[in-house]
Amino acid sequence: MALSFGSVIFIYYLCIQILKQISMNNKLTFTVTLEFESKITDDNDVRQVAENIARAIVSETNGEGIAPQDGDTYLQNVAVKPMYLDEVITKKAY
């Protein structure tokens, strides 16, 4: 079954719209793995590590920066969610 020219144009248009939405996203998510010398099992200790990560990122934002050097943007907020906990640690970066 062949697609009509109009169908091909419509699919192309939808793809362009999806790519625009992806490229216009102002939130980036990264997976970071930290390996410690010994186990950390207490939820309060895990929260403290999340707090330290958020604080370190904010601190770096005030130093060298997190945003691309040639970009016209800056970091506004940092959110760190520890695995297995429902809590999200959020820090303002400005």
PDB file of N, CA and C in Angstrom:
ATOM      1  N   MET A   1       0.844  -1.170   0.000  1.00  0.00           N
ATOM      2  CA  MET A   1       0.000   0.000   0.000  1.00  0.00           C
ATOM      3  C   MET A   1       0.894   1.239   0.000  1.00  0.00           C
ATOM      4  N   ALA A   2       0.742   2.048  -0.977  1.00  0.00           N
ATOM      5  CA  ALA A   2       1.546   3.266  -1.093  1.00  0.00           C
ATOM      6  C   ALA A   2       0.820   4.432  -0.435  1.00  0.00           C
ATOM      7  N   LEU A   3       1.590   5.329   0.150  1.00  0.00           N
ATOM      8  CA  LEU A   3       1.023   6.523   0.747  1.00  0.00           C
ATOM      9  C   LEU A   3       0.844   7.604  -0.310  1.00  0.00           C
ATOM     10  N   SER A   4      -0.203   8.370  -0.156  1.00  0.00           N
ATOM     11  CA  SER A   4      -0.414   9.482  -1.074  1.00  0.00           C
ATOM     12  C   SER A   4       0.584  10.593  -0.755  1.00  0.00           C
ATOM     13  N   PHE A   5       0.781  11.494  -1.695  1.00  0.00           N
ATOM     14  CA  PHE A   5       1.691  12.623  -1.500  1.00  0.00           C
ATOM     15  C   PHE A   5       1.248  13.452  -0.302  1.00  0.00           C
ATOM     16  N   GLY A   6      -0.043  13.674  -0.159  1.00  0.00           N
ATOM     17  CA  GLY A   6      -0.580  14.436   0.962  1.00  0.00           C
ATOM     18  C   GLY A   6      -0.284  13.761   2.296  1.00  0.00           C
ATOM     19  N   SER A   7      -0.379  12.432   2.334  1.00  0.00           N
ATOM     20  CA  SER A   7      -0.073  11.697   3.566  1.00  0.00           C
ATOM     21  C   SER A   7       1.401  11.830   3.932  1.00  0.00           C
ATOM     22  N   VAL A   8       2.256  11.761   2.942  1.00  0.00           N
ATOM     23  CA  VAL A   8       3.690  11.901   3.183  1.00  0.00           C
ATOM     24  C   VAL A   8       3.995  13.297   3.728  1.00  0.00           C
ATOM     25  N   ILE A   9       3.392  14.323   3.148  1.00  0.00           N
ATOM     26  CA  ILE A   9       3.597  15.703   3.602  1.00  0.00           C
ATOM     27  C   ILE A   9       3.091  15.851   5.034  1.00  0.00           C
ATOM     28  N   PHE A  10       1.942  15.269   5.338  1.00  0.00           N
ATOM     29  CA  PHE A  10       1.387  15.357   6.690  1.00  0.00           C
ATOM     30  C   PHE A  10       2.303  14.661   7.701  1.00  0.00           C
ATOM     31  N   ILE A  11       2.813  13.482   7.376  1.00  0.00           N
ATOM     32  CA  ILE A  11       3.739  12.769   8.266  1.00  0.00           C
ATOM     33  C   ILE A  11       5.004  13.592   8.462  1.00  0.00           C
ATOM     34  N   TYR A  12       5.520  14.184   7.397  1.00  0.00           N
ATOM     35  CA  TYR A  12       6.707  15.041   7.485  1.00  0.00           C
ATOM     36  C   TYR A  12       6.436  16.223   8.420  1.00  0.00           C
ATOM     37  N   TYR A  13       5.273  16.849   8.273  1.00  0.00           N
ATOM     38  CA  TYR A  13       4.885  17.973   9.126  1.00  0.00           C
ATOM     39  C   TYR A  13       4.839  17.548  10.588  1.00  0.00           C
ATOM     40  N   LEU A  14       4.237  16.394  10.886  1.00  0.00           N
ATOM     41  CA  LEU A  14       4.159  15.904  12.262  1.00  0.00           C
ATOM     42  C   LEU A  14       5.560  15.649  12.833  1.00  0.00           C
ATOM     43  N   CYS A  15       6.429  15.082  12.026  1.00  0.00           N
ATOM     44  CA  CYS A  15       7.809  14.825  12.481  1.00  0.00           C
ATOM     45  C   CYS A  15       8.514  16.128  12.818  1.00  0.00           C
ATOM     46  N   ILE A  16       8.347  17.142  11.996  1.00  0.00           N
ATOM     47  CA  ILE A  16       8.974  18.446  12.251  1.00  0.00           C
ATOM     48  C   ILE A  16       8.428  19.039  13.546  1.00  0.00           C
ATOM     49  N   GLN A  17       7.125  18.926  13.771  1.00  0.00           N
ATOM     50  CA  GLN A  17       6.527  19.462  14.994  1.00  0.00           C
ATOM     51  C   GLN A  17       7.062  18.740  16.229  1.00  0.00           C
ATOM     52  N   ILE A  18       7.214  17.428  16.144  1.00  0.00           N
ATOM     53  CA  ILE A  18       7.763  16.656  17.264  1.00  0.00           C
ATOM     54  C   ILE A  18       9.201  17.068  17.531  1.00  0.00           C
ATOM     55  N   LEU A  19       9.999  17.219  16.489  1.00  0.00           N
ATOM     56  CA  LEU A  19      11.393  17.642  16.661  1.00  0.00           C
ATOM     57  C   LEU A  19      11.485  19.028  17.275  1.00  0.00           C
ATOM     58  N   LYS A  20      10.576  19.920  16.897  1.00  0.00           N
ATOM     59  CA  LYS A  20      10.569  21.256  17.494  1.00  0.00           C
ATOM     60  C   LYS A  20      10.275  21.180  18.980  1.00  0.00           C
ATOM     61  N   GLN A  21       9.330  20.340  19.361  1.00  0.00           N
ATOM     62  CA  GLN A  21       8.989  20.197  20.773  1.00  0.00           C
ATOM     63  C   GLN A  21      10.167  19.635  21.562  1.00  0.00           C
ATOM     64  N   ILE A  22      10.863  18.673  20.982  1.00  0.00           N
ATOM     65  CA  ILE A  22      12.023  18.093  21.654  1.00  0.00           C
ATOM     66  C   ILE A  22      13.111  19.137  21.815  1.00  0.00           C
ATOM     67  N   SER A  23      13.385  19.899  20.767  1.00  0.00           N
ATOM     68  CA  SER A  23      14.476  20.866  20.823  1.00  0.00           C
ATOM     69  C   SER A  23      14.125  22.088  21.663  1.00  0.00           C
ATOM     70  N   MET A  24      12.848  22.316  21.947  1.00  0.00           N
ATOM     71  CA  MET A  24      12.443  23.484  22.712  1.00  0.00           C
ATOM     72  C   MET A  24      12.271  23.158  24.200  1.00  0.00           C
ATOM     73  N   ASN A  25      12.600  21.934  24.607  1.00  0.00           N
ATOM     74  CA  ASN A  25      12.438  21.543  25.994  1.00  0.00           C
ATOM     75  C   ASN A  25      13.416  22.301  26.872  1.00  0.00           C
ATOM     76  N   ASN A  26      12.936  22.872  27.970  1.00  0.00           N
ATOM     77  CA  ASN A  26      13.817  23.625  28.860  1.00  0.00           C
ATOM     78  C   ASN A  26      14.219  22.804  30.084  1.00  0.00           C
ATOM     79  N   LYS A  27      13.861  21.518  30.107  1.00  0.00           N
ATOM     80  CA  LYS A  27      14.260  20.643  31.201  1.00  0.00           C
ATOM     81  C   LYS A  27      15.055  19.471  30.638  1.00  0.00           C
ATOM     82  N   LEU A  28      16.207  19.224  31.223  1.00  0.00           N
ATOM     83  CA  LEU A  28      17.034  18.084  30.846  1.00  0.00           C
ATOM     84  C   LEU A  28      17.124  17.146  32.042  1.00  0.00           C
ATOM     85  N   THR A  29      17.061  15.851  31.780  1.00  0.00           N
ATOM     86  CA  THR A  29      17.164  14.851  32.827  1.00  0.00           C
ATOM     87  C   THR A  29      18.406  14.006  32.576  1.00  0.00           C
ATOM     88  N   PHE A  30      19.217  13.840  33.606  1.00  0.00           N
ATOM     89  CA  PHE A  30      20.420  13.033  33.525  1.00  0.00           C
ATOM     90  C   PHE A  30      20.345  11.928  34.558  1.00  0.00           C
ATOM     91  N   THR A  31      20.954  10.803  34.267  1.00  0.00           N
ATOM     92  CA  THR A  31      21.097   9.741  35.240  1.00  0.00           C
ATOM     93  C   THR A  31      22.532   9.787  35.750  1.00  0.00           C
ATOM     94  N   VAL A  32      22.682   9.935  37.050  1.00  0.00           N
ATOM     95  CA  VAL A  32      24.004  10.015  37.670  1.00  0.00           C
ATOM     96  C   VAL A  32      24.111   8.875  38.676  1.00  0.00           C
ATOM     97  N   THR A  33      25.200   8.158  38.633  1.00  0.00           N
ATOM     98  CA  THR A  33      25.429   7.058  39.566  1.00  0.00           C
ATOM     99  C   THR A  33      26.589   7.424  40.478  1.00  0.00           C
ATOM    100  N   LEU A  34      26.361   7.331  41.772  1.00  0.00           N
ATOM    101  CA  LEU A  34      27.404   7.590  42.761  1.00  0.00           C
ATOM    102  C   LEU A  34      27.762   6.271  43.435  1.00  0.00           C
ATOM    103  N   GLU A  35      29.038   5.979  43.542  1.00  0.00           N
ATOM    104  CA  GLU A  35      29.484   4.763  44.208  1.00  0.00           C
ATOM    105  C   GLU A  35      30.270   5.154  45.461  1.00  0.00           C
ATOM    106  N   PHE A  36      29.782   4.696  46.608  1.00  0.00           N
ATOM    107  CA  PHE A  36      30.423   4.998  47.873  1.00  0.00           C
ATOM    108  C   PHE A  36      31.242   3.795  48.343  1.00  0.00           C
ATOM    109  N   GLU A  37      32.151   4.054  49.244  1.00  0.00           N
ATOM    110  CA  GLU A  37      33.032   3.010  49.780  1.00  0.00           C
ATOM    111  C   GLU A  37      32.229   1.966  50.562  1.00  0.00           C
ATOM    112  N   SER A  38      31.192   2.405  51.264  1.00  0.00           N
ATOM    113  CA  SER A  38      30.351   1.468  52.015  1.00  0.00           C
ATOM    114  C   SER A  38      28.884   1.767  51.726  1.00  0.00           C
ATOM    115  N   LYS A  39      28.005   0.874  52.153  1.00  0.00           N
ATOM    116  CA  LYS A  39      26.577   1.002  51.873  1.00  0.00           C
ATOM    117  C   LYS A  39      25.964   2.180  52.618  1.00  0.00           C
ATOM    118  N   ILE A  40      25.020   2.833  51.960  1.00  0.00           N
ATOM    119  CA  ILE A  40      24.186   3.858  52.588  1.00  0.00           C
ATOM    120  C   ILE A  40      22.765   3.318  52.523  1.00  0.00           C
ATOM    121  N   THR A  41      22.189   3.026  53.669  1.00  0.00           N
ATOM    122  CA  THR A  41      20.872   2.388  53.692  1.00  0.00           C
ATOM    123  C   THR A  41      19.803   3.234  54.363  1.00  0.00           C
ATOM    124  N   ASP A  42      20.184   4.194  55.162  1.00  0.00           N
ATOM    125  CA  ASP A  42      19.226   5.026  55.885  1.00  0.00           C
ATOM    126  C   ASP A  42      18.630   6.078  54.954  1.00  0.00           C
ATOM    127  N   ASP A  43      17.293   6.206  54.943  1.00  0.00           N
ATOM    128  CA  ASP A  43      16.619   7.179  54.079  1.00  0.00           C
ATOM    129  C   ASP A  43      17.093   8.601  54.338  1.00  0.00           C
ATOM    130  N   ASN A  44      17.364   8.937  55.577  1.00  0.00           N
ATOM    131  CA  ASN A  44      17.844  10.287  55.893  1.00  0.00           C
ATOM    132  C   ASN A  44      19.217  10.539  55.283  1.00  0.00           C
ATOM    133  N   ASP A  45      20.063   9.522  55.270  1.00  0.00           N
ATOM    134  CA  ASP A  45      21.377   9.666  54.637  1.00  0.00           C
ATOM    135  C   ASP A  45      21.241   9.835  53.125  1.00  0.00           C
ATOM    136  N   VAL A  46      20.296   9.106  52.530  1.00  0.00           N
ATOM    137  CA  VAL A  46      20.055   9.224  51.085  1.00  0.00           C
ATOM    138  C   VAL A  46      19.554  10.626  50.760  1.00  0.00           C
ATOM    139  N   ARG A  47      18.647  11.152  51.569  1.00  0.00           N
ATOM    140  CA  ARG A  47      18.160  12.527  51.378  1.00  0.00           C
ATOM    141  C   ARG A  47      19.300  13.534  51.496  1.00  0.00           C
ATOM    142  N   GLN A  48      20.206  13.302  52.457  1.00  0.00           N
ATOM    143  CA  GLN A  48      21.344  14.203  52.644  1.00  0.00           C
ATOM    144  C   GLN A  48      22.259  14.189  51.418  1.00  0.00           C
ATOM    145  N   VAL A  49      22.451  13.015  50.819  1.00  0.00           N
ATOM    146  CA  VAL A  49      23.251  12.933  49.587  1.00  0.00           C
ATOM    147  C   VAL A  49      22.560  13.712  48.471  1.00  0.00           C
ATOM    148  N   ALA A  50      21.233  13.566  48.343  1.00  0.00           N
ATOM    149  CA  ALA A  50      20.482  14.314  47.321  1.00  0.00           C
ATOM    150  C   ALA A  50      20.612  15.812  47.549  1.00  0.00           C
ATOM    151  N   GLU A  51      20.518  16.221  48.794  1.00  0.00           N
ATOM    152  CA  GLU A  51      20.680  17.639  49.151  1.00  0.00           C
ATOM    153  C   GLU A  51      22.081  18.127  48.768  1.00  0.00           C
ATOM    154  N   ASN A  52      23.077  17.314  49.044  1.00  0.00           N
ATOM    155  CA  ASN A  52      24.458  17.680  48.713  1.00  0.00           C
ATOM    156  C   ASN A  52      24.678  17.783  47.202  1.00  0.00           C
ATOM    157  N   ILE A  53      24.049  16.885  46.452  1.00  0.00           N
ATOM    158  CA  ILE A  53      24.155  16.944  44.989  1.00  0.00           C
ATOM    159  C   ILE A  53      23.537  18.245  44.485  1.00  0.00           C
ATOM    160  N   ALA A  54      22.331  18.563  44.944  1.00  0.00           N
ATOM    161  CA  ALA A  54      21.664  19.793  44.502  1.00  0.00           C
ATOM    162  C   ALA A  54      22.491  21.018  44.870  1.00  0.00           C
ATOM    163  N   ARG A  55      23.010  21.039  46.092  1.00  0.00           N
ATOM    164  CA  ARG A  55      23.820  22.170  46.535  1.00  0.00           C
ATOM    165  C   ARG A  55      25.108  22.291  45.709  1.00  0.00           C
ATOM    166  N   ALA A  56      25.726  21.171  45.369  1.00  0.00           N
ATOM    167  CA  ALA A  56      26.953  21.194  44.571  1.00  0.00           C
ATOM    168  C   ALA A  56      26.694  21.734  43.170  1.00  0.00           C
ATOM    169  N   ILE A  57      25.571  21.345  42.582  1.00  0.00           N
ATOM    170  CA  ILE A  57      25.233  21.841  41.243  1.00  0.00           C
ATOM    171  C   ILE A  57      24.961  23.337  41.291  1.00  0.00           C
ATOM    172  N   VAL A  58      24.217  23.787  42.284  1.00  0.00           N
ATOM    173  CA  VAL A  58      23.951  25.224  42.422  1.00  0.00           C
ATOM    174  C   VAL A  58      25.256  25.973  42.633  1.00  0.00           C
ATOM    175  N   SER A  59      26.133  25.428  43.450  1.00  0.00           N
ATOM    176  CA  SER A  59      27.423  26.060  43.702  1.00  0.00           C
ATOM    177  C   SER A  59      28.240  26.165  42.416  1.00  0.00           C
ATOM    178  N   GLU A  60      28.218  25.124  41.608  1.00  0.00           N
ATOM    179  CA  GLU A  60      28.951  25.149  40.332  1.00  0.00           C
ATOM    180  C   GLU A  60      28.328  26.157  39.378  1.00  0.00           C
ATOM    181  N   THR A  61      27.027  26.328  39.450  1.00  0.00           N
ATOM    182  CA  THR A  61      26.349  27.316  38.612  1.00  0.00           C
ATOM    183  C   THR A  61      26.866  28.712  38.917  1.00  0.00           C
ATOM    184  N   ASN A  62      27.156  28.964  40.180  1.00  0.00           N
ATOM    185  CA  ASN A  62      27.689  30.267  40.574  1.00  0.00           C
ATOM    186  C   ASN A  62      29.178  30.392  40.266  1.00  0.00           C
ATOM    187  N   GLY A  63      29.826  29.293  39.884  1.00  0.00           N
ATOM    188  CA  GLY A  63      31.242  29.305  39.542  1.00  0.00           C
ATOM    189  C   GLY A  63      31.419  29.275  38.032  1.00  0.00           C
ATOM    190  N   GLU A  64      31.829  28.124  37.528  1.00  0.00           N
ATOM    191  CA  GLU A  64      32.065  27.950  36.086  1.00  0.00           C
ATOM    192  C   GLU A  64      30.768  27.959  35.289  1.00  0.00           C
ATOM    193  N   GLY A  65      29.713  27.480  35.865  1.00  0.00           N
ATOM    194  CA  GLY A  65      28.426  27.436  35.183  1.00  0.00           C
ATOM    195  C   GLY A  65      28.073  26.042  34.714  1.00  0.00           C
ATOM    196  N   ILE A  66      26.805  25.808  34.499  1.00  0.00           N
ATOM    197  CA  ILE A  66      26.286  24.527  34.038  1.00  0.00           C
ATOM    198  C   ILE A  66      25.785  24.643  32.600  1.00  0.00           C
ATOM    199  N   ALA A  67      25.193  25.769  32.263  1.00  0.00           N
ATOM    200  CA  ALA A  67      24.644  25.976  30.917  1.00  0.00           C
ATOM    201  C   ALA A  67      25.777  26.028  29.897  1.00  0.00           C
ATOM    202  N   PRO A  68      25.477  25.738  28.629  1.00  0.00           N
ATOM    203  CA  PRO A  68      26.508  25.825  27.592  1.00  0.00           C
ATOM    204  C   PRO A  68      27.144  27.215  27.566  1.00  0.00           C
ATOM    205  N   GLN A  69      28.445  27.256  27.381  1.00  0.00           N
ATOM    206  CA  GLN A  69      29.168  28.525  27.404  1.00  0.00           C
ATOM    207  C   GLN A  69      28.698  29.483  26.317  1.00  0.00           C
ATOM    208  N   ASP A  70      28.360  28.969  25.150  1.00  0.00           N
ATOM    209  CA  ASP A  70      27.939  29.826  24.038  1.00  0.00           C
ATOM    210  C   ASP A  70      26.434  30.041  24.007  1.00  0.00           C
ATOM    211  N   GLY A  71      25.714  29.517  25.009  1.00  0.00           N
ATOM    212  CA  GLY A  71      24.262  29.617  25.014  1.00  0.00           C
ATOM    213  C   GLY A  71      23.768  30.925  25.607  1.00  0.00           C
ATOM    214  N   ASP A  72      22.523  31.218  25.335  1.00  0.00           N
ATOM    215  CA  ASP A  72      21.875  32.416  25.869  1.00  0.00           C
ATOM    216  C   ASP A  72      20.935  32.055  27.008  1.00  0.00           C
ATOM    217  N   THR A  73      21.282  31.049  27.765  1.00  0.00           N
ATOM    218  CA  THR A  73      20.403  30.579  28.834  1.00  0.00           C
ATOM    219  C   THR A  73      21.199  30.424  30.125  1.00  0.00           C
ATOM    220  N   TYR A  74      20.498  30.226  31.190  1.00  0.00           N
ATOM    221  CA  TYR A  74      21.128  29.986  32.477  1.00  0.00           C
ATOM    222  C   TYR A  74      20.281  28.998  33.262  1.00  0.00           C
ATOM    223  N   LEU A  75      20.885  28.357  34.231  1.00  0.00           N
ATOM    224  CA  LEU A  75      20.195  27.379  35.051  1.00  0.00           C
ATOM    225  C   LEU A  75      19.304  28.084  36.067  1.00  0.00           C
ATOM    226  N   GLN A  76      18.049  27.664  36.159  1.00  0.00           N
ATOM    227  CA  GLN A  76      17.111  28.262  37.107  1.00  0.00           C
ATOM    228  C   GLN A  76      16.916  27.410  38.350  1.00  0.00           C
ATOM    229  N   ASN A  77      16.662  26.127  38.160  1.00  0.00           N
ATOM    230  CA  ASN A  77      16.351  25.241  39.272  1.00  0.00           C
ATOM    231  C   ASN A  77      17.066  23.904  39.111  1.00  0.00           C
ATOM    232  N   VAL A  78      17.330  23.258  40.223  1.00  0.00           N
ATOM    233  CA  VAL A  78      17.908  21.920  40.250  1.00  0.00           C
ATOM    234  C   VAL A  78      16.971  21.043  41.067  1.00  0.00           C
ATOM    235  N   ALA A  79      16.607  19.893  40.536  1.00  0.00           N
ATOM    236  CA  ALA A  79      15.772  18.936  41.259  1.00  0.00           C
ATOM    237  C   ALA A  79      16.495  17.598  41.273  1.00  0.00           C
ATOM    238  N   VAL A  80      16.660  17.033  42.459  1.00  0.00           N
ATOM    239  CA  VAL A  80      17.320  15.742  42.610  1.00  0.00           C
ATOM    240  C   VAL A  80      16.341  14.802  43.291  1.00  0.00           C
ATOM    241  N   LYS A  81      16.042  13.673  42.629  1.00  0.00           N
ATOM    242  CA  LYS A  81      15.128  12.684  43.200  1.00  0.00           C
ATOM    243  C   LYS A  81      15.904  11.406  43.458  1.00  0.00           C
ATOM    244  N   PRO A  82      16.055  11.057  44.727  1.00  0.00           N
ATOM    245  CA  PRO A  82      16.724   9.794  45.040  1.00  0.00           C
ATOM    246  C   PRO A  82      15.866   8.601  44.585  1.00  0.00           C
ATOM    247  N   MET A  83      16.529   7.576  44.066  1.00  0.00           N
ATOM    248  CA  MET A  83      15.798   6.365  43.710  1.00  0.00           C
ATOM    249  C   MET A  83      15.156   5.782  44.952  1.00  0.00           C
ATOM    250  N   TYR A  84      13.997   5.206  44.798  1.00  0.00           N
ATOM    251  CA  TYR A  84      13.266   4.515  45.849  1.00  0.00           C
ATOM    252  C   TYR A  84      12.653   5.446  46.896  1.00  0.00           C
ATOM    253  N   LEU A  85      12.810   6.747  46.757  1.00  0.00           N
ATOM    254  CA  LEU A  85      12.153   7.692  47.658  1.00  0.00           C
ATOM    255  C   LEU A  85      11.222   8.569  46.832  1.00  0.00           C
ATOM    256  N   ASP A  86      10.111   8.983  47.415  1.00  0.00           N
ATOM    257  CA  ASP A  86       9.155   9.824  46.701  1.00  0.00           C
ATOM    258  C   ASP A  86       9.539  11.298  46.729  1.00  0.00           C
ATOM    259  N   GLU A  87      10.441  11.662  47.598  1.00  0.00           N
ATOM    260  CA  GLU A  87      10.810  13.051  47.803  1.00  0.00           C
ATOM    261  C   GLU A  87      11.747  13.556  46.691  1.00  0.00           C
ATOM    262  N   VAL A  88      11.543  14.819  46.293  1.00  0.00           N
ATOM    263  CA  VAL A  88      12.424  15.483  45.333  1.00  0.00           C
ATOM    264  C   VAL A  88      13.043  16.685  46.023  1.00  0.00           C
ATOM    265  N   ILE A  89      14.360  16.780  45.979  1.00  0.00           N
ATOM    266  CA  ILE A  89      15.086  17.918  46.565  1.00  0.00           C
ATOM    267  C   ILE A  89      15.223  18.957  45.466  1.00  0.00           C
ATOM    268  N   THR A  90      14.715  20.162  45.704  1.00  0.00           N
ATOM    269  CA  THR A  90      14.748  21.228  44.708  1.00  0.00           C
ATOM    270  C   THR A  90      15.488  22.433  45.267  1.00  0.00           C
ATOM    271  N   LYS A  91      16.371  22.991  44.455  1.00  0.00           N
ATOM    272  CA  LYS A  91      17.122  24.195  44.838  1.00  0.00           C
ATOM    273  C   LYS A  91      17.016  25.206  43.703  1.00  0.00           C
ATOM    274  N   LYS A  92      16.852  26.467  44.046  1.00  0.00           N
ATOM    275  CA  LYS A  92      16.898  27.553  43.067  1.00  0.00           C
ATOM    276  C   LYS A  92      18.364  27.854  42.773  1.00  0.00           C
ATOM    277  N   ALA A  93      18.669  28.066  41.516  1.00  0.00           N
ATOM    278  CA  ALA A  93      20.062  28.243  41.114  1.00  0.00           C
ATOM    279  C   ALA A  93      20.434  29.693  40.882  1.00  0.00           C
ATOM    280  N   TYR A  94      19.583  30.613  41.238  1.00  0.00           N
ATOM    281  CA  TYR A  94      19.923  32.022  41.028  1.00  0.00           C
ATOM    282  C   TYR A  94      19.683  32.824  42.268  1.00  0.00           C
TER     283      TYR A  94
END
